[in-house]
Amino acid sequence: MSYWVYILASAPGGTLYVGVTNDLVRRTYEHREGLVEGFTRKYGIKRLVYFEAHDTALAAIQREKNIKHWPREWKIDLIVRDNPDWDDLYDRIVC
């Protein structure tokens, strides 16, 4: 089983959300459809702009915590390194 750390954005350079899940497609869908109450729904954060896989839940959770504590600029650098146009990656993960 894979565990995923992901970053959602409201728009390119917009508000960011960092999360962790064991089902990236399901969780991203929930955010996109506004099924998750709280921060992402309140601020319209629906665009999947970054994700990475981990072999264990512990590794993914630790990575999520680390990224959440990074300065915003570092998070943006992480996104831009692999996704310079801030494309919504959701269609790439849906099979």
C-alpha atoms as a PDB file:
ATOM      1  CA  MET A   1       0.000   0.000   0.000  1.00  0.00           C
ATOM      2  CA  SER A   2       1.182   3.519  -0.780  1.00  0.00           C
ATOM      3  CA  TYR A   3       0.680   6.587   1.334  1.00  0.00           C
ATOM      4  CA  TRP A   4       0.638  10.016  -0.207  1.00  0.00           C
ATOM      5  CA  VAL A   5       1.625  13.508   0.842  1.00  0.00           C
ATOM      6  CA  TYR A   6      -0.088  16.088  -1.329  1.00  0.00           C
ATOM      7  CA  ILE A   7      -0.415  19.822  -1.756  1.00  0.00           C
ATOM      8  CA  LEU A   8      -3.564  21.530  -2.966  1.00  0.00           C
ATOM      9  CA  ALA A   9      -3.790  25.162  -4.047  1.00  0.00           C
ATOM     10  CA  SER A  10      -6.676  27.551  -4.584  1.00  0.00           C
ATOM     11  CA  ALA A  11      -4.925  28.948  -7.702  1.00  0.00           C
ATOM     12  CA  PRO A  12      -1.352  29.304  -8.964  1.00  0.00           C
ATOM     13  CA  GLY A  13       0.490  30.988  -6.102  1.00  0.00           C
ATOM     14  CA  GLY A  14      -2.701  30.912  -4.019  1.00  0.00           C
ATOM     15  CA  THR A  15      -3.607  29.466  -0.648  1.00  0.00           C
ATOM     16  CA  LEU A  16      -1.937  26.102   0.032  1.00  0.00           C
ATOM     17  CA  TYR A  17      -3.045  22.996   1.911  1.00  0.00           C
ATOM     18  CA  VAL A  18      -0.766  20.060   2.787  1.00  0.00           C
ATOM     19  CA  GLY A  19      -2.322  16.680   3.530  1.00  0.00           C
ATOM     20  CA  VAL A  20      -1.657  12.952   3.795  1.00  0.00           C
ATOM     21  CA  THR A  21      -3.800  10.020   2.650  1.00  0.00           C
ATOM     22  CA  ASN A  22      -3.712   6.362   1.672  1.00  0.00           C
ATOM     23  CA  ASP A  23      -6.006   7.007  -1.330  1.00  0.00           C
ATOM     24  CA  LEU A  24      -4.938  10.057  -3.319  1.00  0.00           C
ATOM     25  CA  VAL A  25      -7.698   9.840  -5.929  1.00  0.00           C
ATOM     26  CA  ARG A  26     -10.496   9.550  -3.353  1.00  0.00           C
ATOM     27  CA  ARG A  27      -9.128  12.274  -1.085  1.00  0.00           C
ATOM     28  CA  THR A  28      -8.505  14.721  -3.919  1.00  0.00           C
ATOM     29  CA  TYR A  29     -12.016  14.074  -5.230  1.00  0.00           C
ATOM     30  CA  GLU A  30     -13.442  14.816  -1.767  1.00  0.00           C
ATOM     31  CA  HIS A  31     -11.614  18.153  -1.670  1.00  0.00           C
ATOM     32  CA  ARG A  32     -12.617  19.049  -5.240  1.00  0.00           C
ATOM     33  CA  GLU A  33     -16.291  18.342  -4.599  1.00  0.00           C
ATOM     34  CA  GLY A  34     -16.371  20.215  -1.279  1.00  0.00           C
ATOM     35  CA  LEU A  35     -17.095  17.045   0.689  1.00  0.00           C
ATOM     36  CA  VAL A  36     -14.397  17.853   3.259  1.00  0.00           C
ATOM     37  CA  GLU A  37     -15.535  20.436   5.786  1.00  0.00           C
ATOM     38  CA  GLY A  38     -13.021  22.963   6.982  1.00  0.00           C
ATOM     39  CA  PHE A  39     -10.100  24.864   5.527  1.00  0.00           C
ATOM     40  CA  THR A  40     -10.108  23.558   1.949  1.00  0.00           C
ATOM     41  CA  ARG A  41     -13.827  24.051   1.434  1.00  0.00           C
ATOM     42  CA  LYS A  42     -13.835  27.464   3.122  1.00  0.00           C
ATOM     43  CA  TYR A  43     -11.048  28.789   0.885  1.00  0.00           C
ATOM     44  CA  GLY A  44     -11.892  26.939  -2.348  1.00  0.00           C
ATOM     45  CA  ILE A  45      -8.691  24.895  -2.346  1.00  0.00           C
ATOM     46  CA  LYS A  46      -9.247  22.241  -5.016  1.00  0.00           C
ATOM     47  CA  ARG A  47      -6.239  22.148  -7.360  1.00  0.00           C
ATOM     48  CA  LEU A  48      -3.839  19.205  -6.829  1.00  0.00           C
ATOM     49  CA  VAL A  49      -0.431  20.732  -7.547  1.00  0.00           C
ATOM     50  CA  TYR A  50       2.007  18.289  -5.906  1.00  0.00           C
ATOM     51  CA  PHE A  51       2.113  14.738  -4.556  1.00  0.00           C
ATOM     52  CA  GLU A  52       4.657  12.155  -3.502  1.00  0.00           C
ATOM     53  CA  ALA A  53       4.377   8.502  -2.497  1.00  0.00           C
ATOM     54  CA  HIS A  54       5.698   6.861   0.680  1.00  0.00           C
ATOM     55  CA  ASP A  55       5.917   3.204   1.635  1.00  0.00           C
ATOM     56  CA  THR A  56       4.654   3.616   5.192  1.00  0.00           C
ATOM     57  CA  ALA A  57       2.079   5.745   6.936  1.00  0.00           C
ATOM     58  CA  LEU A  58       4.701   6.834   9.447  1.00  0.00           C
ATOM     59  CA  ALA A  59       7.006   8.148   6.703  1.00  0.00           C
ATOM     60  CA  ALA A  60       4.158  10.011   4.995  1.00  0.00           C
ATOM     61  CA  ILE A  61       2.914  11.564   8.223  1.00  0.00           C
ATOM     62  CA  GLN A  62       6.408  12.711   9.170  1.00  0.00           C
ATOM     63  CA  ARG A  63       6.950  14.230   5.712  1.00  0.00           C
ATOM     64  CA  GLU A  64       3.586  16.024   5.925  1.00  0.00           C
ATOM     65  CA  LYS A  65       4.522  17.480   9.302  1.00  0.00           C
ATOM     66  CA  ASN A  66       7.898  18.612   7.976  1.00  0.00           C
ATOM     67  CA  ILE A  67       6.389  20.316   4.918  1.00  0.00           C
ATOM     68  CA  LYS A  68       3.692  22.004   7.014  1.00  0.00           C
ATOM     69  CA  HIS A  69       6.429  23.618   9.110  1.00  0.00           C
ATOM     70  CA  TRP A  70       8.362  24.894   6.090  1.00  0.00           C
ATOM     71  CA  PRO A  71       8.159  28.541   5.078  1.00  0.00           C
ATOM     72  CA  ARG A  72       5.661  29.210   2.286  1.00  0.00           C
ATOM     73  CA  GLU A  73       8.512  29.956  -0.150  1.00  0.00           C
ATOM     74  CA  TRP A  74       9.939  26.435   0.317  1.00  0.00           C
ATOM     75  CA  LYS A  75       6.531  24.884  -0.379  1.00  0.00           C
ATOM     76  CA  ILE A  76       6.211  26.950  -3.543  1.00  0.00           C
ATOM     77  CA  ASP A  77       9.719  25.893  -4.605  1.00  0.00           C
ATOM     78  CA  LEU A  78       8.733  22.235  -4.105  1.00  0.00           C
ATOM     79  CA  ILE A  79       5.650  22.670  -6.289  1.00  0.00           C
ATOM     80  CA  VAL A  80       7.420  24.652  -9.025  1.00  0.00           C
ATOM     81  CA  ARG A  81      10.291  22.153  -9.233  1.00  0.00           C
ATOM     82  CA  ASP A  82       7.956  19.460 -10.611  1.00  0.00           C
ATOM     83  CA  ASN A  83       4.961  21.517 -11.731  1.00  0.00           C
ATOM     84  CA  PRO A  84       6.156  24.963 -12.892  1.00  0.00           C
ATOM     85  CA  ASP A  85       2.797  25.868 -14.448  1.00  0.00           C
ATOM     86  CA  TRP A  86       0.813  24.859 -11.350  1.00  0.00           C
ATOM     87  CA  ASP A  87      -1.252  22.458 -13.476  1.00  0.00           C
ATOM     88  CA  ASP A  88      -4.066  20.606 -11.734  1.00  0.00           C
ATOM     89  CA  LEU A  89      -2.643  17.070 -11.553  1.00  0.00           C
ATOM     90  CA  TYR A  90      -5.941  15.381 -10.724  1.00  0.00           C
ATOM     91  CA  ASP A  91      -6.562  14.159 -14.287  1.00  0.00           C
ATOM     92  CA  ARG A  92      -3.116  12.510 -14.266  1.00  0.00           C
ATOM     93  CA  ILE A  93      -3.935  10.341 -11.250  1.00  0.00           C
ATOM     94  CA  VAL A  94      -7.454   9.282 -12.254  1.00  0.00           C
ATOM     95  CA  CYS A  95      -7.423   6.054 -14.251  1.00  0.00           C
END
